Amino acid sequence: MKSRFYALLILLFPIAAKAQQDFKNFQLGFTLTPNLGWARINDSSPSYSSEGTNVGFSYGLIGDFGFSKNYFFSTAFTLTSINTKVSNTDVEESGGAVRNDITYKVQYIEIPLTIKLKTNEVAEKCFYGQFGLGTGIKVSGKLDSELKSSTGVLSEESKKDIASDNVFRLSLVAGAGMQWNFAQNTKFLTGVTFNNGFTNMLSKGPSIRNSYVALNLGVLF
């Protein structure tokens, strides 16, 4: 019985070795990622409203760790800027109603924890989809506010540091894209990622959550 088992191992060893040569189970690279960020307001803050999207940016390292030919644990270490704008209409002065336009400029170190599924390569390229949890630690934050009267005249401007407000950020990450071979050990990557934040950006005041859609550009080695 043992001799048959050892004989089977000897027969399977070349196949396993060949598969290991054909399959590279770890890739590390760089990414540059522009994004469009916006704010989501909780229903408990009716006087606040989101004011569209704002451009942000992300850059850093990315890594794919394969546990089979098509299934990968994908993570990154990036510095991500998420810029959002809201307005508060619950402001009054002696001259009449005033609107407060508030811009939040926040930077996080992000470490996503996702599963990436890749198709088999066709014509030197493959498609992928990924899903998982986004984690972030705030490294800087600034609030810019402008008080405007009904005539549109700026009445006040102030700046406030919000780096200590809710340092941790959690989000849901979903994305898809394509990567193709450029050289033997080099692959280009393009894709789109939706990062849906579900923790409050501020520790006090209105319940505001920041989210973004990103265009992923990267190179893997």
N, C-alpha and C. Protein backbone atom coordinates (compact mmCIF):
# COMPACT_ATOMS: atom_id res chain seq x y z
N MET A 1 0.82 -1.21 0.00
CA MET A 1 0.00 0.00 0.00
C MET A 1 0.86 1.26 0.00
N LYS A 2 1.89 1.26 0.88
CA LYS A 2 2.77 2.42 0.93
C LYS A 2 3.53 2.61 -0.37
N SER A 3 3.95 1.48 -0.99
CA SER A 3 4.70 1.59 -2.24
C SER A 3 3.84 2.21 -3.33
N ARG A 4 2.53 1.88 -3.36
CA ARG A 4 1.65 2.48 -4.35
C ARG A 4 1.46 3.98 -4.10
N PHE A 5 1.37 4.32 -2.81
CA PHE A 5 1.22 5.73 -2.45
C PHE A 5 2.44 6.54 -2.89
N TYR A 6 3.64 6.02 -2.63
CA TYR A 6 4.86 6.71 -3.03
C TYR A 6 4.97 6.77 -4.55
N ALA A 7 4.55 5.72 -5.23
CA ALA A 7 4.59 5.73 -6.69
C ALA A 7 3.66 6.79 -7.24
N LEU A 8 2.48 6.97 -6.60
CA LEU A 8 1.54 8.01 -7.03
C LEU A 8 2.14 9.40 -6.83
N LEU A 9 2.81 9.60 -5.68
CA LEU A 9 3.46 10.88 -5.44
C LEU A 9 4.52 11.19 -6.49
N ILE A 10 5.27 10.18 -6.86
CA ILE A 10 6.33 10.35 -7.86
C ILE A 10 5.72 10.74 -9.21
N LEU A 11 4.57 10.13 -9.54
CA LEU A 11 3.92 10.44 -10.80
C LEU A 11 3.31 11.84 -10.81
N LEU A 12 2.79 12.28 -9.65
CA LEU A 12 2.13 13.58 -9.57
C LEU A 12 3.11 14.74 -9.41
N PHE A 13 4.31 14.46 -8.93
CA PHE A 13 5.27 15.53 -8.66
C PHE A 13 5.60 16.37 -9.90
N PRO A 14 5.88 15.76 -11.07
CA PRO A 14 6.15 16.59 -12.24
C PRO A 14 4.98 17.46 -12.65
N ILE A 15 3.74 16.95 -12.47
CA ILE A 15 2.57 17.74 -12.81
C ILE A 15 2.46 18.95 -11.89
N ALA A 16 2.66 18.73 -10.59
CA ALA A 16 2.58 19.83 -9.63
C ALA A 16 3.67 20.85 -9.87
N ALA A 17 4.87 20.35 -10.21
CA ALA A 17 5.98 21.27 -10.48
C ALA A 17 5.70 22.12 -11.70
N LYS A 18 5.12 21.50 -12.74
CA LYS A 18 4.79 22.23 -13.96
C LYS A 18 3.72 23.29 -13.68
N ALA A 19 2.72 22.93 -12.87
CA ALA A 19 1.66 23.90 -12.53
C ALA A 19 2.24 25.07 -11.74
N GLN A 20 3.19 24.77 -10.86
CA GLN A 20 3.82 25.84 -10.08
C GLN A 20 4.60 26.78 -10.97
N GLN A 21 5.24 26.26 -12.01
CA GLN A 21 5.99 27.10 -12.93
C GLN A 21 5.05 27.99 -13.75
N ASP A 22 3.90 27.43 -14.14
CA ASP A 22 2.97 28.18 -14.96
C ASP A 22 2.18 29.20 -14.16
N PHE A 23 2.05 29.02 -12.88
CA PHE A 23 1.20 29.86 -12.05
C PHE A 23 2.07 30.64 -11.06
N LYS A 24 2.07 31.95 -11.22
CA LYS A 24 2.78 32.82 -10.29
C LYS A 24 1.80 33.26 -9.22
N ASN A 25 2.03 32.86 -7.97
CA ASN A 25 1.02 33.06 -6.95
C ASN A 25 1.16 34.35 -6.17
N PHE A 26 2.07 35.25 -6.57
CA PHE A 26 2.21 36.52 -5.87
C PHE A 26 2.66 37.59 -6.85
N GLN A 27 1.97 38.73 -6.81
CA GLN A 27 2.34 39.88 -7.64
C GLN A 27 2.23 41.15 -6.82
N LEU A 28 3.22 42.02 -6.95
CA LEU A 28 3.25 43.30 -6.25
C LEU A 28 3.43 44.40 -7.27
N GLY A 29 2.80 45.54 -7.02
CA GLY A 29 2.90 46.62 -8.00
C GLY A 29 2.53 47.97 -7.41
N PHE A 30 2.32 48.94 -8.31
CA PHE A 30 2.01 50.31 -7.94
C PHE A 30 0.68 50.72 -8.58
N THR A 31 0.00 51.67 -7.94
CA THR A 31 -1.26 52.16 -8.47
C THR A 31 -1.36 53.67 -8.34
N LEU A 32 -1.98 54.30 -9.33
CA LEU A 32 -2.36 55.71 -9.32
C LEU A 32 -3.84 55.75 -9.65
N THR A 33 -4.65 56.31 -8.75
CA THR A 33 -6.10 56.15 -8.86
C THR A 33 -6.84 57.46 -8.61
N PRO A 34 -7.32 58.14 -9.63
CA PRO A 34 -8.22 59.28 -9.41
C PRO A 34 -9.60 58.80 -8.97
N ASN A 35 -10.30 59.62 -8.20
CA ASN A 35 -11.64 59.22 -7.74
C ASN A 35 -12.59 60.41 -7.70
N LEU A 36 -13.87 60.10 -7.66
CA LEU A 36 -14.93 61.09 -7.47
C LEU A 36 -15.64 60.75 -6.16
N GLY A 37 -15.54 61.67 -5.18
CA GLY A 37 -16.12 61.42 -3.87
C GLY A 37 -17.38 62.23 -3.63
N TRP A 38 -18.26 61.69 -2.79
CA TRP A 38 -19.47 62.42 -2.42
C TRP A 38 -19.86 62.03 -1.00
N ALA A 39 -20.77 62.81 -0.43
CA ALA A 39 -21.23 62.60 0.94
C ALA A 39 -22.62 62.00 0.94
N ARG A 40 -22.87 61.11 1.89
CA ARG A 40 -24.21 60.57 2.13
C ARG A 40 -24.66 61.04 3.52
N ILE A 41 -25.82 61.69 3.56
CA ILE A 41 -26.32 62.29 4.80
C ILE A 41 -27.36 61.38 5.42
N ASN A 42 -27.24 61.14 6.73
CA ASN A 42 -28.23 60.36 7.45
C ASN A 42 -29.54 61.15 7.57
N ASP A 43 -30.65 60.42 7.64
CA ASP A 43 -31.97 61.06 7.73
C ASP A 43 -32.13 61.91 8.98
N SER A 44 -31.31 61.69 9.99
CA SER A 44 -31.42 62.46 11.23
C SER A 44 -30.84 63.87 11.09
N SER A 45 -30.28 64.19 9.92
CA SER A 45 -29.71 65.52 9.68
C SER A 45 -30.39 66.14 8.45
N PRO A 46 -31.71 66.48 8.56
CA PRO A 46 -32.46 66.93 7.38
C PRO A 46 -32.00 68.27 6.82
N SER A 47 -31.33 69.09 7.62
CA SER A 47 -30.92 70.41 7.12
C SER A 47 -29.65 70.32 6.27
N TYR A 48 -28.99 69.16 6.25
CA TYR A 48 -27.78 68.97 5.47
C TYR A 48 -28.10 68.23 4.17
N SER A 49 -27.41 68.59 3.11
CA SER A 49 -27.58 67.91 1.82
C SER A 49 -26.23 67.83 1.12
N SER A 50 -26.06 66.77 0.33
CA SER A 50 -24.83 66.58 -0.43
C SER A 50 -24.82 67.50 -1.65
N GLU A 51 -23.64 68.01 -1.98
CA GLU A 51 -23.50 68.95 -3.10
C GLU A 51 -22.66 68.33 -4.21
N GLY A 52 -23.08 67.20 -4.73
CA GLY A 52 -22.43 66.60 -5.89
C GLY A 52 -21.12 65.90 -5.57
N THR A 53 -20.32 65.69 -6.61
CA THR A 53 -19.07 64.95 -6.48
C THR A 53 -17.87 65.89 -6.52
N ASN A 54 -16.77 65.43 -5.94
CA ASN A 54 -15.52 66.19 -5.92
C ASN A 54 -14.36 65.24 -6.21
N VAL A 55 -13.34 65.77 -6.88
CA VAL A 55 -12.20 64.96 -7.33
C VAL A 55 -11.23 64.71 -6.18
N GLY A 56 -10.79 63.46 -6.05
CA GLY A 56 -9.75 63.07 -5.12
C GLY A 56 -8.70 62.23 -5.82
N PHE A 57 -7.78 61.67 -5.05
CA PHE A 57 -6.69 60.92 -5.65
C PHE A 57 -6.14 59.90 -4.67
N SER A 58 -5.57 58.83 -5.22
CA SER A 58 -4.98 57.77 -4.40
C SER A 58 -3.73 57.24 -5.08
N TYR A 59 -2.72 56.86 -4.28
CA TYR A 59 -1.52 56.24 -4.84
C TYR A 59 -0.88 55.36 -3.78
N GLY A 60 -0.15 54.34 -4.24
CA GLY A 60 0.51 53.45 -3.30
C GLY A 60 0.81 52.09 -3.91
N LEU A 61 0.90 51.08 -3.05
CA LEU A 61 1.24 49.72 -3.44
C LEU A 61 0.00 48.85 -3.53
N ILE A 62 0.01 47.87 -4.44
CA ILE A 62 -1.05 46.87 -4.53
C ILE A 62 -0.41 45.49 -4.56
N GLY A 63 -1.15 44.49 -4.11
CA GLY A 63 -0.62 43.14 -4.09
C GLY A 63 -1.71 42.11 -4.29
N ASP A 64 -1.44 41.09 -5.10
CA ASP A 64 -2.33 39.96 -5.31
C ASP A 64 -1.64 38.70 -4.83
N PHE A 65 -2.30 37.97 -3.92
CA PHE A 65 -1.76 36.73 -3.37
C PHE A 65 -2.68 35.59 -3.82
N GLY A 66 -2.19 34.73 -4.69
CA GLY A 66 -3.02 33.69 -5.27
C GLY A 66 -3.06 32.43 -4.44
N PHE A 67 -4.26 31.87 -4.27
CA PHE A 67 -4.37 30.54 -3.66
C PHE A 67 -4.89 29.52 -4.67
N SER A 68 -5.08 29.94 -5.92
CA SER A 68 -5.27 29.03 -7.06
C SER A 68 -5.04 29.87 -8.31
N LYS A 69 -5.22 29.28 -9.47
CA LYS A 69 -4.93 29.98 -10.72
C LYS A 69 -5.83 31.18 -10.92
N ASN A 70 -7.09 31.11 -10.48
CA ASN A 70 -8.06 32.16 -10.76
C ASN A 70 -8.55 32.91 -9.53
N TYR A 71 -8.14 32.50 -8.33
CA TYR A 71 -8.64 33.11 -7.11
C TYR A 71 -7.49 33.74 -6.33
N PHE A 72 -7.69 35.02 -5.93
CA PHE A 72 -6.62 35.78 -5.28
C PHE A 72 -7.17 36.54 -4.08
N PHE A 73 -6.31 36.68 -3.06
CA PHE A 73 -6.54 37.67 -2.01
C PHE A 73 -5.83 38.94 -2.45
N SER A 74 -6.59 40.03 -2.60
CA SER A 74 -6.04 41.27 -3.12
C SER A 74 -6.10 42.36 -2.06
N THR A 75 -4.98 43.04 -1.86
CA THR A 75 -4.92 44.11 -0.88
C THR A 75 -4.07 45.25 -1.43
N ALA A 76 -3.88 46.29 -0.62
CA ALA A 76 -3.11 47.45 -1.05
C ALA A 76 -2.67 48.24 0.18
N PHE A 77 -1.80 49.18 -0.05
CA PHE A 77 -1.39 50.15 0.98
C PHE A 77 -1.30 51.50 0.27
N THR A 78 -2.37 52.30 0.38
CA THR A 78 -2.46 53.53 -0.40
C THR A 78 -2.77 54.73 0.48
N LEU A 79 -2.37 55.90 0.01
CA LEU A 79 -2.76 57.17 0.61
C LEU A 79 -3.88 57.74 -0.26
N THR A 80 -5.07 57.85 0.32
CA THR A 80 -6.27 58.19 -0.44
C THR A 80 -6.87 59.49 0.05
N SER A 81 -7.11 60.43 -0.87
CA SER A 81 -7.80 61.68 -0.55
C SER A 81 -9.25 61.57 -1.01
N ILE A 82 -10.18 61.84 -0.09
CA ILE A 82 -11.61 61.84 -0.41
C ILE A 82 -12.15 63.23 -0.10
N ASN A 83 -12.59 63.92 -1.13
CA ASN A 83 -13.10 65.29 -0.98
C ASN A 83 -14.60 65.30 -1.22
N THR A 84 -15.34 65.87 -0.27
CA THR A 84 -16.79 65.92 -0.36
C THR A 84 -17.28 67.32 0.02
N LYS A 85 -18.49 67.64 -0.42
CA LYS A 85 -19.07 68.95 -0.13
C LYS A 85 -20.52 68.79 0.27
N VAL A 86 -20.92 69.47 1.34
CA VAL A 86 -22.31 69.48 1.80
C VAL A 86 -22.74 70.92 2.06
N SER A 87 -24.04 71.12 2.18
CA SER A 87 -24.57 72.43 2.54
C SER A 87 -25.51 72.28 3.72
N ASN A 88 -25.52 73.29 4.58
CA ASN A 88 -26.39 73.32 5.75
C ASN A 88 -27.28 74.55 5.65
N THR A 89 -28.58 74.34 5.57
CA THR A 89 -29.53 75.46 5.44
C THR A 89 -30.11 75.88 6.78
N ASP A 90 -29.74 75.19 7.84
CA ASP A 90 -30.26 75.51 9.17
C ASP A 90 -29.40 76.58 9.84
N VAL A 91 -29.20 77.69 9.13
CA VAL A 91 -28.37 78.79 9.62
C VAL A 91 -29.12 80.09 9.38
N GLU A 92 -29.18 80.94 10.41
CA GLU A 92 -29.87 82.22 10.27
C GLU A 92 -29.03 83.32 10.88
N GLU A 93 -29.09 84.49 10.25
CA GLU A 93 -28.45 85.68 10.78
C GLU A 93 -29.46 86.82 10.74
N SER A 94 -29.07 87.97 11.29
CA SER A 94 -30.00 89.11 11.36
C SER A 94 -30.42 89.58 9.98
N GLY A 95 -29.58 89.36 8.98
CA GLY A 95 -29.90 89.81 7.63
C GLY A 95 -30.79 88.83 6.87
N GLY A 96 -31.13 87.69 7.47
CA GLY A 96 -31.96 86.70 6.80
C GLY A 96 -31.30 85.35 6.78
N ALA A 97 -31.90 84.42 6.03
CA ALA A 97 -31.40 83.05 5.97
C ALA A 97 -30.03 83.01 5.30
N VAL A 98 -29.18 82.15 5.82
CA VAL A 98 -27.81 81.99 5.30
C VAL A 98 -27.54 80.51 5.09
N ARG A 99 -26.88 80.16 4.00
CA ARG A 99 -26.50 78.78 3.74
C ARG A 99 -25.02 78.60 4.01
N ASN A 100 -24.68 77.51 4.67
CA ASN A 100 -23.29 77.21 4.99
C ASN A 100 -22.80 76.10 4.05
N ASP A 101 -21.91 76.42 3.14
CA ASP A 101 -21.31 75.43 2.25
C ASP A 101 -20.03 74.91 2.90
N ILE A 102 -19.96 73.59 3.09
CA ILE A 102 -18.86 72.97 3.83
C ILE A 102 -18.15 71.97 2.92
N THR A 103 -16.84 72.10 2.81
CA THR A 103 -16.02 71.17 2.04
C THR A 103 -15.12 70.39 2.99
N TYR A 104 -15.20 69.06 2.90
CA TYR A 104 -14.36 68.18 3.73
C TYR A 104 -13.24 67.61 2.85
N LYS A 105 -12.00 67.82 3.27
CA LYS A 105 -10.84 67.29 2.57
C LYS A 105 -10.11 66.35 3.53
N VAL A 106 -10.25 65.05 3.28
CA VAL A 106 -9.78 64.05 4.23
C VAL A 106 -8.84 63.08 3.52
N GLN A 107 -7.75 62.70 4.20
CA GLN A 107 -6.81 61.71 3.68
C GLN A 107 -6.76 60.50 4.61
N TYR A 108 -6.76 59.31 4.01
CA TYR A 108 -6.69 58.06 4.76
C TYR A 108 -5.54 57.20 4.22
N ILE A 109 -4.94 56.42 5.10
CA ILE A 109 -4.16 55.27 4.67
C ILE A 109 -5.14 54.11 4.57
N GLU A 110 -5.32 53.58 3.37
CA GLU A 110 -6.31 52.53 3.14
C GLU A 110 -5.63 51.17 2.92
N ILE A 111 -6.21 50.15 3.55
CA ILE A 111 -5.75 48.77 3.37
C ILE A 111 -6.99 47.92 3.10
N PRO A 112 -7.38 47.76 1.83
CA PRO A 112 -8.55 46.93 1.52
C PRO A 112 -8.24 45.45 1.69
N LEU A 113 -9.26 44.69 2.05
CA LEU A 113 -9.16 43.24 2.22
C LEU A 113 -10.21 42.62 1.32
N THR A 114 -9.82 42.19 0.12
CA THR A 114 -10.78 41.76 -0.87
C THR A 114 -10.39 40.41 -1.49
N ILE A 115 -11.39 39.77 -2.08
CA ILE A 115 -11.18 38.58 -2.88
C ILE A 115 -11.30 38.98 -4.35
N LYS A 116 -10.32 38.59 -5.16
CA LYS A 116 -10.32 38.92 -6.59
C LYS A 116 -10.42 37.62 -7.39
N LEU A 117 -11.36 37.59 -8.31
CA LEU A 117 -11.57 36.44 -9.19
C LEU A 117 -11.16 36.83 -10.60
N LYS A 118 -10.25 36.06 -11.20
CA LYS A 118 -9.76 36.35 -12.54
C LYS A 118 -10.17 35.27 -13.52
N THR A 119 -10.47 35.68 -14.74
CA THR A 119 -10.77 34.71 -15.80
C THR A 119 -9.46 34.15 -16.35
N ASN A 120 -9.55 33.09 -17.12
CA ASN A 120 -8.39 32.59 -17.83
C ASN A 120 -7.95 33.61 -18.88
N GLU A 121 -6.65 33.66 -19.16
CA GLU A 121 -6.13 34.61 -20.12
C GLU A 121 -6.54 34.25 -21.55
N VAL A 122 -6.99 35.25 -22.28
CA VAL A 122 -7.31 35.12 -23.70
C VAL A 122 -6.66 36.29 -24.43
N ALA A 123 -5.82 36.01 -25.41
CA ALA A 123 -5.12 37.05 -26.16
C ALA A 123 -4.31 37.94 -25.23
N GLU A 124 -3.61 37.33 -24.27
CA GLU A 124 -2.70 38.01 -23.35
C GLU A 124 -3.41 38.94 -22.37
N LYS A 125 -4.71 38.74 -22.14
CA LYS A 125 -5.41 39.56 -21.17
C LYS A 125 -6.47 38.73 -20.45
N CYS A 126 -6.88 39.24 -19.29
CA CYS A 126 -7.94 38.58 -18.53
C CYS A 126 -8.78 39.64 -17.84
N PHE A 127 -9.99 39.25 -17.44
CA PHE A 127 -10.89 40.14 -16.72
C PHE A 127 -10.97 39.70 -15.26
N TYR A 128 -11.30 40.65 -14.40
CA TYR A 128 -11.39 40.31 -12.98
C TYR A 128 -12.56 41.04 -12.33
N GLY A 129 -13.01 40.48 -11.22
CA GLY A 129 -13.97 41.12 -10.34
C GLY A 129 -13.49 40.95 -8.91
N GLN A 130 -13.77 41.92 -8.06
CA GLN A 130 -13.33 41.81 -6.67
C GLN A 130 -14.38 42.38 -5.73
N PHE A 131 -14.35 41.86 -4.50
CA PHE A 131 -15.35 42.24 -3.50
C PHE A 131 -14.74 42.04 -2.12
N GLY A 132 -15.03 42.98 -1.20
CA GLY A 132 -14.50 42.80 0.14
C GLY A 132 -14.70 44.02 1.01
N LEU A 133 -13.87 44.11 2.04
CA LEU A 133 -13.96 45.14 3.06
C LEU A 133 -12.83 46.15 2.88
N GLY A 134 -13.16 47.43 3.00
CA GLY A 134 -12.15 48.49 2.98
C GLY A 134 -11.90 49.01 4.38
N THR A 135 -10.65 49.14 4.76
CA THR A 135 -10.29 49.70 6.06
C THR A 135 -9.40 50.92 5.85
N GLY A 136 -9.60 51.94 6.66
CA GLY A 136 -8.82 53.16 6.50
C GLY A 136 -8.52 53.81 7.84
N ILE A 137 -7.38 54.49 7.91
CA ILE A 137 -6.97 55.26 9.08
C ILE A 137 -6.74 56.69 8.63
N LYS A 138 -7.43 57.63 9.26
CA LYS A 138 -7.31 59.03 8.86
C LYS A 138 -5.95 59.59 9.27
N VAL A 139 -5.27 60.24 8.33
CA VAL A 139 -3.97 60.86 8.62
C VAL A 139 -4.04 62.38 8.57
N SER A 140 -5.06 62.94 7.92
CA SER A 140 -5.26 64.39 7.92
C SER A 140 -6.69 64.68 7.53
N GLY A 141 -7.17 65.82 7.97
CA GLY A 141 -8.54 66.22 7.64
C GLY A 141 -8.73 67.71 7.85
N LYS A 142 -9.44 68.34 6.93
CA LYS A 142 -9.68 69.78 7.02
C LYS A 142 -11.11 70.07 6.59
N LEU A 143 -11.71 71.02 7.27
CA LEU A 143 -13.06 71.48 6.96
C LEU A 143 -12.98 72.95 6.55
N ASP A 144 -13.46 73.27 5.36
CA ASP A 144 -13.56 74.64 4.89
C ASP A 144 -15.04 75.01 4.79
N SER A 145 -15.44 76.13 5.40
CA SER A 145 -16.85 76.52 5.36
C SER A 145 -16.99 77.94 4.86
N GLU A 146 -18.06 78.19 4.12
CA GLU A 146 -18.39 79.50 3.61
C GLU A 146 -19.85 79.80 3.92
N LEU A 147 -20.07 80.92 4.58
CA LEU A 147 -21.43 81.37 4.86
C LEU A 147 -21.87 82.31 3.74
N LYS A 148 -23.00 81.98 3.10
CA LYS A 148 -23.50 82.78 1.99
C LYS A 148 -24.91 83.23 2.27
N SER A 149 -25.17 84.48 1.95
CA SER A 149 -26.52 85.01 2.11
C SER A 149 -27.35 84.62 0.90
N SER A 150 -28.62 84.98 0.93
CA SER A 150 -29.52 84.64 -0.17
C SER A 150 -29.13 85.35 -1.46
N THR A 151 -28.37 86.43 -1.37
CA THR A 151 -27.91 87.14 -2.57
C THR A 151 -26.64 86.54 -3.14
N GLY A 152 -26.08 85.57 -2.45
CA GLY A 152 -24.88 84.90 -2.94
C GLY A 152 -23.59 85.56 -2.50
N VAL A 153 -23.67 86.58 -1.62
CA VAL A 153 -22.49 87.29 -1.16
C VAL A 153 -21.83 86.52 -0.03
N LEU A 154 -20.52 86.28 -0.11
CA LEU A 154 -19.78 85.57 0.93
C LEU A 154 -19.71 86.43 2.18
N SER A 155 -20.17 85.89 3.30
CA SER A 155 -20.17 86.66 4.54
C SER A 155 -19.11 86.20 5.53
N GLU A 156 -18.62 84.96 5.37
CA GLU A 156 -17.62 84.47 6.32
C GLU A 156 -16.91 83.26 5.74
N GLU A 157 -15.65 83.10 6.09
CA GLU A 157 -14.90 81.91 5.69
C GLU A 157 -14.05 81.46 6.86
N SER A 158 -14.01 80.16 7.14
CA SER A 158 -13.21 79.66 8.26
C SER A 158 -12.64 78.30 7.91
N LYS A 159 -11.60 77.89 8.62
CA LYS A 159 -10.97 76.59 8.43
C LYS A 159 -10.84 75.89 9.77
N LYS A 160 -11.01 74.55 9.75
CA LYS A 160 -10.96 73.77 10.98
C LYS A 160 -10.29 72.43 10.73
N ASP A 161 -9.44 72.03 11.64
CA ASP A 161 -8.76 70.73 11.55
C ASP A 161 -9.69 69.65 12.12
N ILE A 162 -9.97 68.61 11.33
CA ILE A 162 -10.84 67.52 11.79
C ILE A 162 -10.10 66.18 11.75
N ALA A 163 -8.78 66.23 11.85
CA ALA A 163 -7.98 65.01 11.75
C ALA A 163 -8.29 64.02 12.87
N SER A 164 -8.72 64.51 14.04
CA SER A 164 -8.97 63.62 15.18
C SER A 164 -10.40 63.09 15.22
N ASP A 165 -11.26 63.53 14.30
CA ASP A 165 -12.65 63.08 14.27
C ASP A 165 -12.76 61.72 13.58
N ASN A 166 -13.26 60.71 14.29
CA ASN A 166 -13.47 59.38 13.73
C ASN A 166 -12.30 58.93 12.85
N VAL A 167 -11.24 58.53 13.51
CA VAL A 167 -9.99 58.20 12.82
C VAL A 167 -10.15 56.99 11.91
N PHE A 168 -10.99 56.03 12.28
CA PHE A 168 -11.12 54.80 11.50
C PHE A 168 -12.29 54.89 10.52
N ARG A 169 -12.08 54.31 9.35
CA ARG A 169 -13.12 54.27 8.31
C ARG A 169 -13.26 52.84 7.80
N LEU A 170 -14.50 52.37 7.70
CA LEU A 170 -14.80 51.07 7.13
C LEU A 170 -15.71 51.26 5.92
N SER A 171 -15.56 50.39 4.94
CA SER A 171 -16.33 50.54 3.71
C SER A 171 -16.52 49.20 3.04
N LEU A 172 -17.45 49.18 2.10
CA LEU A 172 -17.67 48.02 1.25
C LEU A 172 -17.02 48.30 -0.10
N VAL A 173 -16.23 47.35 -0.59
CA VAL A 173 -15.47 47.55 -1.83
C VAL A 173 -15.97 46.55 -2.88
N ALA A 174 -16.30 47.07 -4.06
CA ALA A 174 -16.69 46.22 -5.18
C ALA A 174 -16.10 46.81 -6.45
N GLY A 175 -15.52 45.96 -7.29
CA GLY A 175 -14.88 46.48 -8.50
C GLY A 175 -14.75 45.43 -9.58
N ALA A 176 -14.37 45.90 -10.75
CA ALA A 176 -14.16 45.02 -11.89
C ALA A 176 -13.19 45.72 -12.84
N GLY A 177 -12.53 44.93 -13.68
CA GLY A 177 -11.59 45.53 -14.62
C GLY A 177 -10.90 44.49 -15.48
N MET A 178 -9.77 44.91 -16.04
CA MET A 178 -9.03 44.06 -16.96
C MET A 178 -7.54 44.24 -16.72
N GLN A 179 -6.78 43.18 -16.88
CA GLN A 179 -5.32 43.28 -16.86
C GLN A 179 -4.76 42.49 -18.05
N TRP A 180 -3.67 43.02 -18.58
CA TRP A 180 -3.08 42.36 -19.74
C TRP A 180 -1.57 42.36 -19.63
N ASN A 181 -0.96 41.39 -20.29
CA ASN A 181 0.48 41.21 -20.22
C ASN A 181 1.19 42.26 -21.06
N PHE A 182 2.20 42.87 -20.45
CA PHE A 182 3.06 43.80 -21.18
C PHE A 182 4.41 43.18 -21.47
N ALA A 183 4.90 42.41 -20.52
CA ALA A 183 6.16 41.67 -20.68
C ALA A 183 6.00 40.37 -19.89
N GLN A 184 7.06 39.60 -19.80
CA GLN A 184 6.97 38.28 -19.17
C GLN A 184 6.46 38.35 -17.74
N ASN A 185 6.93 39.32 -16.96
CA ASN A 185 6.53 39.42 -15.56
C ASN A 185 5.84 40.75 -15.25
N THR A 186 5.35 41.44 -16.24
CA THR A 186 4.73 42.75 -16.05
C THR A 186 3.32 42.74 -16.63
N LYS A 187 2.36 43.24 -15.82
CA LYS A 187 0.98 43.32 -16.26
C LYS A 187 0.43 44.71 -15.96
N PHE A 188 -0.30 45.27 -16.93
CA PHE A 188 -1.02 46.51 -16.71
C PHE A 188 -2.42 46.20 -16.21
N LEU A 189 -2.96 47.10 -15.38
CA LEU A 189 -4.27 46.90 -14.79
C LEU A 189 -5.10 48.16 -14.93
N THR A 190 -6.34 48.01 -15.39
CA THR A 190 -7.30 49.12 -15.41
C THR A 190 -8.63 48.58 -14.89
N GLY A 191 -9.37 49.42 -14.19
CA GLY A 191 -10.65 48.98 -13.65
C GLY A 191 -11.38 50.11 -12.97
N VAL A 192 -12.54 49.79 -12.46
CA VAL A 192 -13.39 50.73 -11.74
C VAL A 192 -13.76 50.11 -10.40
N THR A 193 -13.67 50.90 -9.32
CA THR A 193 -13.99 50.43 -7.98
C THR A 193 -15.01 51.35 -7.33
N PHE A 194 -16.01 50.74 -6.71
CA PHE A 194 -16.99 51.48 -5.90
C PHE A 194 -16.65 51.23 -4.44
N ASN A 195 -16.37 52.32 -3.70
CA ASN A 195 -16.01 52.23 -2.29
C ASN A 195 -17.10 52.94 -1.48
N ASN A 196 -17.94 52.16 -0.82
CA ASN A 196 -19.12 52.68 -0.13
C ASN A 196 -18.86 52.74 1.37
N GLY A 197 -18.59 53.93 1.90
CA GLY A 197 -18.30 54.08 3.32
C GLY A 197 -19.53 53.87 4.18
N PHE A 198 -19.37 53.15 5.31
CA PHE A 198 -20.50 52.98 6.21
C PHE A 198 -20.17 53.35 7.66
N THR A 199 -19.11 54.14 7.87
CA THR A 199 -18.85 54.74 9.17
C THR A 199 -18.90 56.25 9.03
N ASN A 200 -19.32 56.92 10.09
CA ASN A 200 -19.44 58.37 10.05
C ASN A 200 -18.07 59.04 9.93
N MET A 201 -18.03 60.12 9.16
CA MET A 201 -16.78 60.85 8.98
C MET A 201 -16.46 61.73 10.18
N LEU A 202 -17.50 62.17 10.91
CA LEU A 202 -17.33 63.07 12.05
C LEU A 202 -17.74 62.36 13.34
N SER A 203 -17.11 62.75 14.44
CA SER A 203 -17.48 62.18 15.73
C SER A 203 -18.61 62.97 16.38
N LYS A 204 -18.80 64.23 15.97
CA LYS A 204 -19.88 65.08 16.49
C LYS A 204 -20.57 65.77 15.33
N GLY A 205 -21.80 66.19 15.56
CA GLY A 205 -22.52 66.92 14.52
C GLY A 205 -23.31 66.00 13.62
N PRO A 206 -23.49 66.37 12.36
CA PRO A 206 -24.32 65.59 11.44
C PRO A 206 -23.69 64.24 11.11
N SER A 207 -24.54 63.29 10.76
CA SER A 207 -24.08 61.96 10.37
C SER A 207 -23.76 61.97 8.87
N ILE A 208 -22.46 62.03 8.54
CA ILE A 208 -22.01 62.12 7.15
C ILE A 208 -21.06 60.97 6.87
N ARG A 209 -21.32 60.25 5.78
CA ARG A 209 -20.45 59.16 5.36
C ARG A 209 -19.92 59.48 3.96
N ASN A 210 -18.62 59.29 3.77
CA ASN A 210 -18.04 59.59 2.46
C ASN A 210 -17.82 58.31 1.66
N SER A 211 -18.12 58.40 0.37
CA SER A 211 -17.96 57.28 -0.56
C SER A 211 -17.31 57.81 -1.83
N TYR A 212 -16.83 56.88 -2.68
CA TYR A 212 -16.25 57.33 -3.93
C TYR A 212 -16.25 56.21 -4.96
N VAL A 213 -16.15 56.65 -6.23
CA VAL A 213 -15.92 55.75 -7.36
C VAL A 213 -14.54 56.08 -7.91
N ALA A 214 -13.71 55.05 -8.13
CA ALA A 214 -12.32 55.27 -8.54
C ALA A 214 -12.02 54.60 -9.87
N LEU A 215 -11.17 55.25 -10.64
CA LEU A 215 -10.60 54.64 -11.86
C LEU A 215 -9.25 54.07 -11.50
N ASN A 216 -9.13 52.75 -11.51
CA ASN A 216 -7.90 52.08 -11.10
C ASN A 216 -6.92 51.96 -12.25
N LEU A 217 -5.72 52.47 -12.04
CA LEU A 217 -4.62 52.35 -12.99
C LEU A 217 -3.43 51.78 -12.23
N GLY A 218 -2.87 50.68 -12.72
CA GLY A 218 -1.78 50.08 -11.99
C GLY A 218 -0.90 49.21 -12.86
N VAL A 219 0.22 48.82 -12.28
CA VAL A 219 1.16 47.91 -12.95
C VAL A 219 1.59 46.89 -11.92
N LEU A 220 1.57 45.61 -12.30
CA LEU A 220 1.97 44.51 -11.43
C LEU A 220 3.23 43.85 -11.97
N PHE A 221 4.12 43.45 -11.07
CA PHE A 221 5.38 42.81 -11.46
C PHE A 221 5.43 41.37 -10.95
